[in-house]
C-alpha atoms as a PDB file:
ATOM      1  CA  MET A   1     102.351  81.260 132.032  1.00  0.00           C
ATOM      2  CA  ASN A   2     103.777  78.216 130.262  1.00  0.00           C
ATOM      3  CA  ILE A   3     104.017  74.677 131.887  1.00  0.00           C
ATOM      4  CA  GLY A   4     107.203  74.292 134.117  1.00  0.00           C
ATOM      5  CA  GLU A   5     107.486  77.917 135.204  1.00  0.00           C
ATOM      6  CA  LYS A   6     107.619  78.557 138.639  1.00  0.00           C
ATOM      7  CA  THR A   7     104.177  80.699 140.146  1.00  0.00           C
ATOM      8  CA  ALA A   8     104.478  83.984 141.351  1.00  0.00           C
ATOM      9  CA  GLY A   9     104.473  82.389 144.981  1.00  0.00           C
ATOM     10  CA  LYS A  10     107.679  80.460 143.969  1.00  0.00           C
ATOM     11  CA  GLN A  11     106.204  77.084 144.377  1.00  0.00           C
ATOM     12  CA  PRO A  12     107.990  74.208 142.660  1.00  0.00           C
ATOM     13  CA  PRO A  13     107.451  73.334 138.963  1.00  0.00           C
ATOM     14  CA  ARG A  14     104.746  71.655 138.396  1.00  0.00           C
ATOM     15  CA  ARG A  15     105.420  68.067 136.981  1.00  0.00           C
ATOM     16  CA  VAL A  16     104.492  67.230 133.529  1.00  0.00           C
ATOM     17  CA  THR A  17     102.482  64.110 132.962  1.00  0.00           C
ATOM     18  CA  ALA A  18     101.749  61.821 129.962  1.00  0.00           C
ATOM     19  CA  ALA A  19      98.230  62.909 130.290  1.00  0.00           C
ATOM     20  CA  MET A  20      99.170  66.257 129.980  1.00  0.00           C
ATOM     21  CA  VAL A  21     101.207  65.652 126.816  1.00  0.00           C
ATOM     22  CA  ALA A  22      98.256  63.472 125.295  1.00  0.00           C
ATOM     23  CA  GLU A  23      95.778  66.404 125.699  1.00  0.00           C
ATOM     24  CA  HIS A  24      98.447  68.764 124.107  1.00  0.00           C
ATOM     25  CA  ALA A  25      98.976  66.571 121.043  1.00  0.00           C
ATOM     26  CA  GLY A  26      95.419  65.053 121.169  1.00  0.00           C
ATOM     27  CA  VAL A  27      96.156  61.523 121.165  1.00  0.00           C
ATOM     28  CA  SER A  28      96.059  58.893 124.141  1.00  0.00           C
ATOM     29  CA  THR A  29      98.092  58.461 127.063  1.00  0.00           C
ATOM     30  CA  ALA A  30      98.947  54.779 125.660  1.00  0.00           C
ATOM     31  CA  THR A  31     100.036  56.750 122.301  1.00  0.00           C
ATOM     32  CA  VAL A  32     102.461  59.105 124.249  1.00  0.00           C
ATOM     33  CA  SER A  33     103.770  56.268 126.406  1.00  0.00           C
ATOM     34  CA  LEU A  34     105.033  54.250 123.545  1.00  0.00           C
ATOM     35  CA  VAL A  35     106.741  57.237 121.703  1.00  0.00           C
ATOM     36  CA  ALA A  36     108.539  58.182 124.925  1.00  0.00           C
ATOM     37  CA  ASN A  37     109.632  54.355 125.429  1.00  0.00           C
ATOM     38  CA  GLY A  38     110.850  54.377 122.116  1.00  0.00           C
ATOM     39  CA  LYS A  39     108.209  51.374 121.210  1.00  0.00           C
ATOM     40  CA  SER A  40     106.317  53.069 118.672  1.00  0.00           C
ATOM     41  CA  ALA A  41     107.813  51.615 115.521  1.00  0.00           C
ATOM     42  CA  GLY A  42     105.095  49.941 113.634  1.00  0.00           C
ATOM     43  CA  ARG A  43     102.172  50.853 116.284  1.00  0.00           C
ATOM     44  CA  VAL A  44     101.876  54.726 115.990  1.00  0.00           C
ATOM     45  CA  SER A  45     101.620  56.501 112.853  1.00  0.00           C
ATOM     46  CA  LYS A  46     104.513  59.190 111.700  1.00  0.00           C
ATOM     47  CA  HIS A  47     102.024  62.003 111.962  1.00  0.00           C
ATOM     48  CA  ASN A  48     100.878  61.395 115.528  1.00  0.00           C
ATOM     49  CA  GLU A  49     104.494  60.210 116.538  1.00  0.00           C
ATOM     50  CA  GLU A  50     105.509  63.779 115.296  1.00  0.00           C
ATOM     51  CA  ARG A  51     102.775  65.438 117.451  1.00  0.00           C
ATOM     52  CA  VAL A  52     103.750  63.582 120.599  1.00  0.00           C
ATOM     53  CA  ARG A  53     107.651  64.561 119.973  1.00  0.00           C
ATOM     54  CA  GLU A  54     106.820  68.323 119.304  1.00  0.00           C
ATOM     55  CA  ALA A  55     104.096  68.423 122.859  1.00  0.00           C
ATOM     56  CA  ILE A  56     107.320  66.726 124.434  1.00  0.00           C
ATOM     57  CA  ARG A  57     109.637  68.992 123.619  1.00  0.00           C
ATOM     58  CA  GLU A  58     107.309  72.317 124.268  1.00  0.00           C
ATOM     59  CA  LEU A  59     106.452  70.840 127.640  1.00  0.00           C
ATOM     60  CA  GLY A  60     109.564  69.447 128.841  1.00  0.00           C
ATOM     61  CA  TYR A  61     108.228  65.909 129.399  1.00  0.00           C
ATOM     62  CA  PHE A  62     110.254  63.236 130.578  1.00  0.00           C
ATOM     63  CA  VAL A  63     109.741  59.630 131.559  1.00  0.00           C
ATOM     64  CA  ASP A  64     109.864  59.297 135.220  1.00  0.00           C
ATOM     65  CA  GLY A  65     112.176  56.200 135.664  1.00  0.00           C
ATOM     66  CA  ILE A  66     111.977  56.317 139.561  1.00  0.00           C
ATOM     67  CA  GLY A  67     108.317  56.771 139.997  1.00  0.00           C
ATOM     68  CA  SER A  68     107.951  53.395 137.750  1.00  0.00           C
ATOM     69  CA  SER A  69     110.446  51.676 139.538  1.00  0.00           C
ATOM     70  CA  LEU A  70     108.577  52.332 142.519  1.00  0.00           C
ATOM     71  CA  ALA A  71     104.872  51.029 141.029  1.00  0.00           C
ATOM     72  CA  LYS A  72     107.133  47.913 139.629  1.00  0.00           C
ATOM     73  CA  GLY A  73     109.218  47.248 141.986  1.00  0.00           C
ATOM     74  CA  VAL A  74     112.204  47.058 139.405  1.00  0.00           C
ATOM     75  CA  SER A  75     113.183  49.792 136.658  1.00  0.00           C
ATOM     76  CA  SER A  76     114.327  49.283 133.131  1.00  0.00           C
ATOM     77  CA  LEU A  77     117.781  49.988 134.133  1.00  0.00           C
ATOM     78  CA  VAL A  78     120.703  47.410 133.813  1.00  0.00           C
ATOM     79  CA  ILE A  79     124.177  48.379 135.248  1.00  0.00           C
ATOM     80  CA  LEU A  80     127.569  47.640 134.135  1.00  0.00           C
ATOM     81  CA  VAL A  81     130.455  47.662 136.771  1.00  0.00           C
ATOM     82  CA  ALA A  82     133.666  47.979 135.254  1.00  0.00           C
ATOM     83  CA  PRO A  83     137.028  49.531 135.455  1.00  0.00           C
ATOM     84  CA  ASP A  84     138.415  52.501 133.765  1.00  0.00           C
ATOM     85  CA  ILE A  85     136.310  52.348 130.209  1.00  0.00           C
ATOM     86  CA  SER A  86     138.726  54.560 128.469  1.00  0.00           C
ATOM     87  CA  ASN A  87     140.254  51.147 127.851  1.00  0.00           C
ATOM     88  CA  PRO A  88     138.856  50.185 124.467  1.00  0.00           C
ATOM     89  CA  PHE A  89     138.440  46.711 125.476  1.00  0.00           C
ATOM     90  CA  PHE A  90     135.315  47.954 127.612  1.00  0.00           C
ATOM     91  CA  ALA A  91     134.278  49.777 124.664  1.00  0.00           C
ATOM     92  CA  LYS A  92     133.690  46.483 122.714  1.00  0.00           C
ATOM     93  CA  VAL A  93     132.111  44.857 125.490  1.00  0.00           C
ATOM     94  CA  ILE A  94     129.615  47.636 125.932  1.00  0.00           C
ATOM     95  CA  ALA A  95     128.703  47.292 122.230  1.00  0.00           C
ATOM     96  CA  GLY A  96     128.165  43.582 122.681  1.00  0.00           C
ATOM     97  CA  VAL A  97     125.794  44.358 125.566  1.00  0.00           C
ATOM     98  CA  ARG A  98     123.840  47.039 124.045  1.00  0.00           C
ATOM     99  CA  SER A  99     123.148  44.806 121.044  1.00  0.00           C
ATOM    100  CA  VAL A 100     121.240  42.861 123.143  1.00  0.00           C
ATOM    101  CA  LEU A 101     119.616  45.208 125.479  1.00  0.00           C
ATOM    102  CA  GLY A 102     118.463  47.066 122.551  1.00  0.00           C
ATOM    103  CA  ASN A 103     115.710  49.400 123.624  1.00  0.00           C
ATOM    104  CA  ASP A 104     114.126  47.344 126.356  1.00  0.00           C
ATOM    105  CA  TYR A 105     116.728  48.591 128.749  1.00  0.00           C
ATOM    106  CA  GLN A 106     119.022  51.802 129.593  1.00  0.00           C
ATOM    107  CA  LEU A 107     122.408  50.744 130.245  1.00  0.00           C
ATOM    108  CA  LEU A 108     123.835  52.328 133.466  1.00  0.00           C
ATOM    109  CA  LEU A 109     127.834  52.376 133.853  1.00  0.00           C
ATOM    110  CA  SER A 110     129.263  52.332 137.340  1.00  0.00           C
ATOM    111  CA  VAL A 111     133.431  52.788 136.737  1.00  0.00           C
ATOM    112  CA  THR A 112     135.981  51.805 139.546  1.00  0.00           C
ATOM    113  CA  ASP A 113     139.151  53.781 140.028  1.00  0.00           C
ATOM    114  CA  ALA A 114     141.666  52.150 137.162  1.00  0.00           C
ATOM    115  CA  GLY A 115     142.978  49.184 138.176  1.00  0.00           C
ATOM    116  CA  LEU A 116     140.955  48.487 141.194  1.00  0.00           C
ATOM    117  CA  SER A 117     138.186  45.493 141.817  1.00  0.00           C
ATOM    118  CA  PRO A 118     134.660  46.578 141.918  1.00  0.00           C
ATOM    119  CA  SER A 119     133.410  47.747 145.834  1.00  0.00           C
ATOM    120  CA  ALA A 120     130.358  46.121 146.750  1.00  0.00           C
ATOM    121  CA  THR A 121     129.794  49.147 148.995  1.00  0.00           C
ATOM    122  CA  GLU A 122     129.827  51.700 146.044  1.00  0.00           C
ATOM    123  CA  THR A 123     127.688  49.255 144.268  1.00  0.00           C
ATOM    124  CA  ARG A 124     124.799  48.644 146.798  1.00  0.00           C
ATOM    125  CA  ARG A 125     124.240  52.460 146.706  1.00  0.00           C
ATOM    126  CA  LEU A 126     123.004  51.870 143.327  1.00  0.00           C
ATOM    127  CA  LEU A 127     120.405  49.540 144.253  1.00  0.00           C
ATOM    128  CA  GLY A 128     118.261  52.092 145.343  1.00  0.00           C
ATOM    129  CA  LEU A 129     117.791  52.843 141.721  1.00  0.00           C
ATOM    130  CA  ARG A 130     116.158  49.361 141.534  1.00  0.00           C
ATOM    131  CA  PRO A 131     118.011  48.182 138.383  1.00  0.00           C
ATOM    132  CA  ALA A 132     116.512  45.118 136.689  1.00  0.00           C
ATOM    133  CA  GLY A 133     120.202  43.395 136.557  1.00  0.00           C
ATOM    134  CA  LEU A 134     123.868  43.591 137.141  1.00  0.00           C
ATOM    135  CA  LEU A 135     126.611  43.041 134.690  1.00  0.00           C
ATOM    136  CA  VAL A 136     129.948  43.049 136.802  1.00  0.00           C
ATOM    137  CA  HIS A 137     133.498  42.901 135.313  1.00  0.00           C
ATOM    138  CA  ALA A 138     135.877  40.635 137.485  1.00  0.00           C
ATOM    139  CA  PRO A 139     134.276  40.388 140.687  1.00  0.00           C
ATOM    140  CA  THR A 140     136.012  39.218 143.578  1.00  0.00           C
ATOM    141  CA  LYS A 141     134.660  36.586 146.277  1.00  0.00           C
ATOM    142  CA  ALA A 142     133.859  39.024 148.795  1.00  0.00           C
ATOM    143  CA  PHE A 143     132.227  41.045 146.166  1.00  0.00           C
ATOM    144  CA  LEU A 144     129.419  38.006 145.093  1.00  0.00           C
ATOM    145  CA  GLU A 145     129.564  37.401 148.776  1.00  0.00           C
ATOM    146  CA  ASP A 146     128.184  40.874 149.806  1.00  0.00           C
ATOM    147  CA  LEU A 147     125.962  41.241 147.015  1.00  0.00           C
ATOM    148  CA  ALA A 148     124.334  37.864 147.221  1.00  0.00           C
ATOM    149  CA  GLY A 149     120.433  38.193 146.988  1.00  0.00           C
ATOM    150  CA  PRO A 150     118.139  37.959 144.260  1.00  0.00           C
ATOM    151  CA  LEU A 151     118.732  40.578 141.977  1.00  0.00           C
ATOM    152  CA  PRO A 152     120.057  38.913 138.384  1.00  0.00           C
ATOM    153  CA  LEU A 153     123.888  39.121 138.418  1.00  0.00           C
ATOM    154  CA  VAL A 154     126.373  37.981 135.684  1.00  0.00           C
ATOM    155  CA  ALA A 155     129.935  38.254 135.954  1.00  0.00           C
ATOM    156  CA  LEU A 156     132.308  38.866 133.076  1.00  0.00           C
ATOM    157  CA  ASP A 157     135.690  37.779 133.121  1.00  0.00           C
ATOM    158  CA  ALA A 158     136.136  35.888 136.438  1.00  0.00           C
ATOM    159  CA  PRO A 159     137.664  32.894 135.932  1.00  0.00           C
ATOM    160  CA  GLY A 160     137.446  30.465 139.357  1.00  0.00           C
ATOM    161  CA  ILE A 161     133.962  31.917 140.216  1.00  0.00           C
ATOM    162  CA  ASP A 162     131.789  29.703 142.009  1.00  0.00           C
ATOM    163  CA  PRO A 163     129.940  27.416 139.565  1.00  0.00           C
ATOM    164  CA  SER A 164     126.718  28.454 140.721  1.00  0.00           C
ATOM    165  CA  ILE A 165     127.051  32.140 139.481  1.00  0.00           C
ATOM    166  CA  PRO A 166     126.154  32.950 135.867  1.00  0.00           C
ATOM    167  CA  ALA A 167     129.074  34.052 134.139  1.00  0.00           C
ATOM    168  CA  VAL A 168     130.976  34.508 130.872  1.00  0.00           C
ATOM    169  CA  ASN A 169     134.855  34.058 131.064  1.00  0.00           C
ATOM    170  CA  MET A 170     137.649  34.122 128.275  1.00  0.00           C
ATOM    171  CA  ASP A 171     139.815  31.146 127.997  1.00  0.00           C
ATOM    172  CA  VAL A 172     142.966  33.380 129.104  1.00  0.00           C
ATOM    173  CA  ALA A 173     145.065  30.463 130.019  1.00  0.00           C
ATOM    174  CA  GLN A 174     144.692  29.143 126.483  1.00  0.00           C
ATOM    175  CA  GLY A 175     145.994  32.688 125.220  1.00  0.00           C
ATOM    176  CA  ALA A 176     149.030  32.426 127.826  1.00  0.00           C
ATOM    177  CA  GLU A 177     150.263  29.363 126.294  1.00  0.00           C
ATOM    178  CA  ALA A 178     149.893  30.529 122.852  1.00  0.00           C
ATOM    179  CA  VAL A 179     152.310  33.520 123.668  1.00  0.00           C
ATOM    180  CA  VAL A 180     154.738  30.825 125.290  1.00  0.00           C
ATOM    181  CA  ALA A 181     154.369  28.649 122.195  1.00  0.00           C
ATOM    182  CA  HIS A 182     155.015  31.237 119.942  1.00  0.00           C
ATOM    183  CA  PHE A 183     158.137  32.738 121.710  1.00  0.00           C
ATOM    184  CA  SER A 184     159.629  28.796 121.685  1.00  0.00           C
ATOM    185  CA  GLY A 185     158.863  28.647 118.081  1.00  0.00           C
ATOM    186  CA  LEU A 186     160.947  31.769 117.372  1.00  0.00           C
ATOM    187  CA  GLY A 187     163.958  30.429 119.340  1.00  0.00           C
ATOM    188  CA  HIS A 188     163.535  32.303 122.517  1.00  0.00           C
ATOM    189  CA  THR A 189     164.981  30.502 126.069  1.00  0.00           C
ATOM    190  CA  ARG A 190     164.634  33.432 128.303  1.00  0.00           C
ATOM    191  CA  ALA A 191     161.685  35.571 128.999  1.00  0.00           C
ATOM    192  CA  ALA A 192     160.159  38.378 131.321  1.00  0.00           C
ATOM    193  CA  TYR A 193     156.408  38.940 132.453  1.00  0.00           C
ATOM    194  CA  LEU A 194     154.895  42.166 133.140  1.00  0.00           C
ATOM    195  CA  ASP A 195     151.912  41.482 135.182  1.00  0.00           C
ATOM    196  CA  GLY A 196     149.075  44.028 136.191  1.00  0.00           C
ATOM    197  CA  SER A 197     148.811  45.015 139.743  1.00  0.00           C
ATOM    198  CA  THR A 198     145.349  45.026 140.229  1.00  0.00           C
ATOM    199  CA  GLY A 199     145.562  41.248 141.830  1.00  0.00           C
ATOM    200  CA  THR A 200     142.332  40.242 139.829  1.00  0.00           C
ATOM    201  CA  ASP A 201     141.716  36.543 139.273  1.00  0.00           C
ATOM    202  CA  THR A 202     141.871  36.900 135.453  1.00  0.00           C
ATOM    203  CA  LEU A 203     145.384  38.565 135.943  1.00  0.00           C
ATOM    204  CA  MET A 204     146.533  35.853 138.460  1.00  0.00           C
ATOM    205  CA  VAL A 205     145.440  33.013 135.905  1.00  0.00           C
ATOM    206  CA  ARG A 206     147.179  34.923 132.975  1.00  0.00           C
ATOM    207  CA  ARG A 207     150.364  34.922 134.836  1.00  0.00           C
ATOM    208  CA  GLN A 208     150.377  31.603 136.251  1.00  0.00           C
ATOM    209  CA  ALA A 209     149.404  30.034 132.957  1.00  0.00           C
ATOM    210  CA  PHE A 210     152.524  31.742 131.400  1.00  0.00           C
ATOM    211  CA  LEU A 211     154.645  30.697 133.905  1.00  0.00           C
ATOM    212  CA  GLU A 212     153.823  26.954 133.868  1.00  0.00           C
ATOM    213  CA  ALA A 213     153.535  26.911 130.281  1.00  0.00           C
ATOM    214  CA  ALA A 214     157.319  28.771 129.814  1.00  0.00           C
ATOM    215  CA  GLU A 215     158.652  25.433 132.435  1.00  0.00           C
ATOM    216  CA  ARG A 216     157.019  22.932 129.578  1.00  0.00           C
ATOM    217  CA  TYR A 217     158.442  24.515 126.533  1.00  0.00           C
ATOM    218  CA  GLY A 218     162.005  25.039 128.391  1.00  0.00           C
ATOM    219  CA  ILE A 219     161.763  28.979 128.504  1.00  0.00           C
ATOM    220  CA  GLU A 220     163.408  30.223 131.644  1.00  0.00           C
ATOM    221  CA  VAL A 221     161.326  32.839 133.532  1.00  0.00           C
ATOM    222  CA  LEU A 222     163.762  33.992 136.572  1.00  0.00           C
ATOM    223  CA  PRO A 223     161.905  35.494 139.489  1.00  0.00           C
ATOM    224  CA  GLY A 224     163.257  38.413 139.071  1.00  0.00           C
ATOM    225  CA  ASN A 225     162.180  38.470 135.524  1.00  0.00           C
ATOM    226  CA  VAL A 226     158.464  38.928 136.844  1.00  0.00           C
ATOM    227  CA  ALA A 227     157.287  42.255 137.548  1.00  0.00           C
ATOM    228  CA  SER A 228     154.064  44.496 138.015  1.00  0.00           C
ATOM    229  CA  SER A 229     152.485  47.933 137.201  1.00  0.00           C
ATOM    230  CA  MET A 230     149.565  49.604 137.112  1.00  0.00           C
ATOM    231  CA  ILE A 231     147.544  49.054 134.132  1.00  0.00           C
ATOM    232  CA  ASP A 232     148.263  52.127 132.231  1.00  0.00           C
ATOM    233  CA  VAL A 233     151.163  53.418 129.618  1.00  0.00           C
ATOM    234  CA  SER A 234     152.973  55.405 131.837  1.00  0.00           C
ATOM    235  CA  SER A 235     153.173  53.105 134.802  1.00  0.00           C
ATOM    236  CA  ALA A 236     154.078  50.076 132.428  1.00  0.00           C
ATOM    237  CA  SER A 237     156.922  52.345 130.763  1.00  0.00           C
ATOM    238  CA  ASP A 238     158.301  53.261 134.190  1.00  0.00           C
ATOM    239  CA  GLU A 239     158.115  49.796 135.370  1.00  0.00           C
ATOM    240  CA  PHE A 240     159.988  48.381 132.290  1.00  0.00           C
ATOM    241  CA  SER A 241     162.715  50.860 132.312  1.00  0.00           C
ATOM    242  CA  ARG A 242     163.221  50.026 135.965  1.00  0.00           C
ATOM    243  CA  ASN A 243     163.337  46.402 135.319  1.00  0.00           C
ATOM    244  CA  TRP A 244     165.342  46.274 131.870  1.00  0.00           C
ATOM    245  CA  PRO A 245     168.793  46.547 132.899  1.00  0.00           C
ATOM    246  CA  ALA A 246     168.529  43.441 135.127  1.00  0.00           C
ATOM    247  CA  TRP A 247     166.295  41.548 132.446  1.00  0.00           C
ATOM    248  CA  GLU A 248     169.376  42.098 129.641  1.00  0.00           C
ATOM    249  CA  ALA A 249     171.809  41.225 132.124  1.00  0.00           C
ATOM    250  CA  ASN A 250     169.915  37.821 132.561  1.00  0.00           C
ATOM    251  CA  GLY A 251     169.463  37.437 128.683  1.00  0.00           C
ATOM    252  CA  VAL A 252     165.928  37.978 128.615  1.00  0.00           C
ATOM    253  CA  THR A 253     164.988  38.357 124.730  1.00  0.00           C
ATOM    254  CA  ALA A 254     160.845  38.204 125.038  1.00  0.00           C
ATOM    255  CA  LEU A 255     158.619  39.773 127.100  1.00  0.00           C
ATOM    256  CA  ALA A 256     154.597  39.189 127.546  1.00  0.00           C
ATOM    257  CA  CYS A 257     152.394  41.528 129.369  1.00  0.00           C
ATOM    258  CA  ALA A 258     149.172  41.045 131.324  1.00  0.00           C
ATOM    259  CA  THR A 259     147.180  43.686 128.776  1.00  0.00           C
ATOM    260  CA  ASP A 260     148.137  45.440 125.410  1.00  0.00           C
ATOM    261  CA  THR A 261     148.262  48.873 127.329  1.00  0.00           C
ATOM    262  CA  GLN A 262     151.353  47.973 129.164  1.00  0.00           C
ATOM    263  CA  ALA A 263     152.538  46.500 125.825  1.00  0.00           C
ATOM    264  CA  PHE A 264     152.041  50.333 124.606  1.00  0.00           C
ATOM    265  CA  GLY A 265     154.353  51.241 127.860  1.00  0.00           C
ATOM    266  CA  VAL A 266     156.878  49.060 126.817  1.00  0.00           C
ATOM    267  CA  LEU A 267     157.197  50.096 123.319  1.00  0.00           C
ATOM    268  CA  HIS A 268     157.295  53.875 124.586  1.00  0.00           C
ATOM    269  CA  ALA A 269     160.117  52.880 126.876  1.00  0.00           C
ATOM    270  CA  ALA A 270     161.974  50.788 124.577  1.00  0.00           C
ATOM    271  CA  ARG A 271     162.251  53.372 121.622  1.00  0.00           C
ATOM    272  CA  HIS A 272     163.940  55.712 124.231  1.00  0.00           C
ATOM    273  CA  LEU A 273     166.322  53.325 125.801  1.00  0.00           C
ATOM    274  CA  GLY A 274     166.917  52.401 121.972  1.00  0.00           C
ATOM    275  CA  ILE A 275     165.962  48.969 122.334  1.00  0.00           C
ATOM    276  CA  ARG A 276     164.894  47.329 118.912  1.00  0.00           C
ATOM    277  CA  ILE A 277     161.595  45.712 118.907  1.00  0.00           C
ATOM    278  CA  PRO A 278     161.437  42.794 117.862  1.00  0.00           C
ATOM    279  CA  HIS A 279     165.169  42.415 117.099  1.00  0.00           C
ATOM    280  CA  ARG A 280     166.650  42.681 120.715  1.00  0.00           C
ATOM    281  CA  LEU A 281     163.266  41.977 122.462  1.00  0.00           C
ATOM    282  CA  ALA A 282     159.900  40.565 121.668  1.00  0.00           C
ATOM    283  CA  VAL A 283     157.030  42.080 122.943  1.00  0.00           C
ATOM    284  CA  ALA A 284     153.392  40.219 123.381  1.00  0.00           C
ATOM    285  CA  GLY A 285     150.223  41.319 124.710  1.00  0.00           C
ATOM    286  CA  PHE A 286     146.879  40.517 125.657  1.00  0.00           C
ATOM    287  CA  ASP A 287     143.233  41.790 124.840  1.00  0.00           C
ATOM    288  CA  ASP A 288     144.105  43.075 121.064  1.00  0.00           C
ATOM    289  CA  LEU A 289     143.131  46.484 121.455  1.00  0.00           C
ATOM    290  CA  PRO A 290     142.048  48.243 118.235  1.00  0.00           C
ATOM    291  CA  TYR A 291     145.353  50.506 118.516  1.00  0.00           C
ATOM    292  CA  SER A 292     147.511  47.378 118.579  1.00  0.00           C
ATOM    293  CA  ALA A 293     147.047  46.652 114.899  1.00  0.00           C
ATOM    294  CA  THR A 294     148.400  50.135 114.166  1.00  0.00           C
ATOM    295  CA  SER A 295     151.214  50.953 116.467  1.00  0.00           C
ATOM    296  CA  ASN A 296     154.723  51.082 115.615  1.00  0.00           C
ATOM    297  CA  PRO A 297     155.407  48.296 115.491  1.00  0.00           C
ATOM    298  CA  SER A 298     151.660  46.595 115.827  1.00  0.00           C
ATOM    299  CA  ILE A 299     151.601  44.609 118.812  1.00  0.00           C
ATOM    300  CA  THR A 300     151.451  40.758 118.885  1.00  0.00           C
ATOM    301  CA  SER A 301     148.470  40.286 121.344  1.00  0.00           C
ATOM    302  CA  VAL A 302     145.875  37.440 122.376  1.00  0.00           C
ATOM    303  CA  GLN A 303     142.154  38.294 121.321  1.00  0.00           C
ATOM    304  CA  LEU A 304     139.664  37.895 123.594  1.00  0.00           C
ATOM    305  CA  HIS A 305     136.646  38.748 121.819  1.00  0.00           C
ATOM    306  CA  ALA A 306     135.352  41.593 123.851  1.00  0.00           C
ATOM    307  CA  THR A 307     132.207  41.981 121.851  1.00  0.00           C
ATOM    308  CA  GLU A 308     131.070  38.608 122.116  1.00  0.00           C
ATOM    309  CA  VAL A 309     131.644  38.684 125.990  1.00  0.00           C
ATOM    310  CA  GLY A 310     129.521  41.621 126.446  1.00  0.00           C
ATOM    311  CA  ARG A 311     126.778  40.078 124.172  1.00  0.00           C
ATOM    312  CA  GLN A 312     126.944  36.450 125.895  1.00  0.00           C
ATOM    313  CA  ALA A 313     126.512  38.388 129.491  1.00  0.00           C
ATOM    314  CA  ALA A 314     123.747  40.245 128.398  1.00  0.00           C
ATOM    315  CA  LEU A 315     121.758  37.208 126.779  1.00  0.00           C
ATOM    316  CA  LYS A 316     122.142  35.247 130.195  1.00  0.00           C
ATOM    317  CA  LEU A 317     121.201  38.333 132.215  1.00  0.00           C
ATOM    318  CA  ARG A 318     117.854  38.891 129.916  1.00  0.00           C
ATOM    319  CA  GLU A 319     116.954  35.409 130.535  1.00  0.00           C
ATOM    320  CA  LEU A 320     117.558  35.850 134.512  1.00  0.00           C
ATOM    321  CA  ILE A 321     115.628  39.283 134.587  1.00  0.00           C
ATOM    322  CA  ASP A 322     112.798  36.945 132.654  1.00  0.00           C
ATOM    323  CA  GLY A 323     112.829  34.309 135.319  1.00  0.00           C
ATOM    324  CA  GLN A 324     114.543  31.621 133.214  1.00  0.00           C
ATOM    325  CA  THR A 325     117.473  29.459 133.962  1.00  0.00           C
ATOM    326  CA  PRO A 326     120.107  30.375 131.337  1.00  0.00           C
ATOM    327  CA  GLN A 327     120.838  27.465 129.359  1.00  0.00           C
ATOM    328  CA  SER A 328     124.454  27.404 129.769  1.00  0.00           C
ATOM    329  CA  LEU A 329     124.998  28.653 133.135  1.00  0.00           C
ATOM    330  CA  GLN A 330     128.727  29.784 132.356  1.00  0.00           C
ATOM    331  CA  SER A 331     130.324  30.011 129.115  1.00  0.00           C
ATOM    332  CA  LEU A 332     133.992  29.960 128.321  1.00  0.00           C
ATOM    333  CA  LEU A 333     135.128  31.790 125.149  1.00  0.00           C
ATOM    334  CA  PRO A 334     138.327  30.702 123.265  1.00  0.00           C
ATOM    335  CA  SER A 335     141.092  32.854 122.648  1.00  0.00           C
ATOM    336  CA  SER A 336     143.407  33.077 119.732  1.00  0.00           C
ATOM    337  CA  LEU A 337     146.783  34.739 119.415  1.00  0.00           C
ATOM    338  CA  VAL A 338     147.196  37.691 116.708  1.00  0.00           C
ATOM    339  CA  VAL A 339     151.015  37.656 115.441  1.00  0.00           C
ATOM    340  CA  ARG A 340     152.247  41.091 114.378  1.00  0.00           C
ATOM    341  CA  GLY A 341     155.631  42.954 114.175  1.00  0.00           C
ATOM    342  CA  SER A 342     156.436  43.194 117.535  1.00  0.00           C
ATOM    343  CA  THR A 343     157.379  39.634 117.944  1.00  0.00           C
ATOM    344  CA  THR A 344     158.213  38.934 114.190  1.00  0.00           C
ATOM    345  CA  ALA A 345     161.446  40.062 112.257  1.00  0.00           C
ATOM    346  CA  ASP A 346     159.308  41.465 109.315  1.00  0.00           C
ATOM    347  CA  GLY A 347     158.417  44.684 111.407  1.00  0.00           C
ATOM    348  CA  GLY A 348     159.289  46.541 114.293  1.00  0.00           C
ATOM    349  CA  LEU A 349     161.536  49.358 115.540  1.00  0.00           C
END
């Protein structure tokens, strides 16, 4: 009977151990451990590595991460808590995190419902996996208070966070002011703002910075010229369609969106309403998503360097895991405005 098959008495399959793989391959258990954990480069000959991999395939061996966690008190898992990862922004963040974690840690994604802040209750359920650390996007104050403890944690994109909590933030206020300055330079005097409805600090900072900069630059943004939607294309399209008649009556010629995803929705609605972008309405977004450069028109957007955000957050987390205090407990990354066809007359619908 092959290893892994049930016996005639229908007993549970026998767990394959590293010692069994080592005996099958004719190598030491230490060699099996190096190969199974991706640490064989330069330490195990190609011949022995192939023998181990063949034995692993034949026997169906896998590393017992939970057992290792119980033995060591902590696993090699790092959990990233983030909203809808279909957003290309988070693909960039993940790439930055992975560039630092390498093969030393496995990245586990805990995805919240789109547009919602992370839940401490749901995240706490994952702590049974004994993760080495947590990376949390846009956590609320209540979330951080609920999960306060010795577990290494780094927050991403959480402006206004307690200065004692390790974090990597983006200067979204700088980006919002750059949008206003750009609108002003193009001669716009009345604008609108399409906010996100999540209520996270980063979105509140973007909106407030835009409104304060608009006042300084002499651009009028009436209370009725501020709306909000879920951060998805369809919701933003519907919200723009509902508000455009009033905005047009108020003389609005420029619109800032809290995210590029919402800007995509605005372009979709504008096309159906026959609104020429940017000739009738200039539109700017936030996040500079990959598709923003290739949409029609391409979207003027605030670039937030998501890959670097993920990289720096992972670096801080690794220092915490190693028992060190990060050289810089909190980092603030600059933003920059990328001007494209949705605001300039040389492109657009």
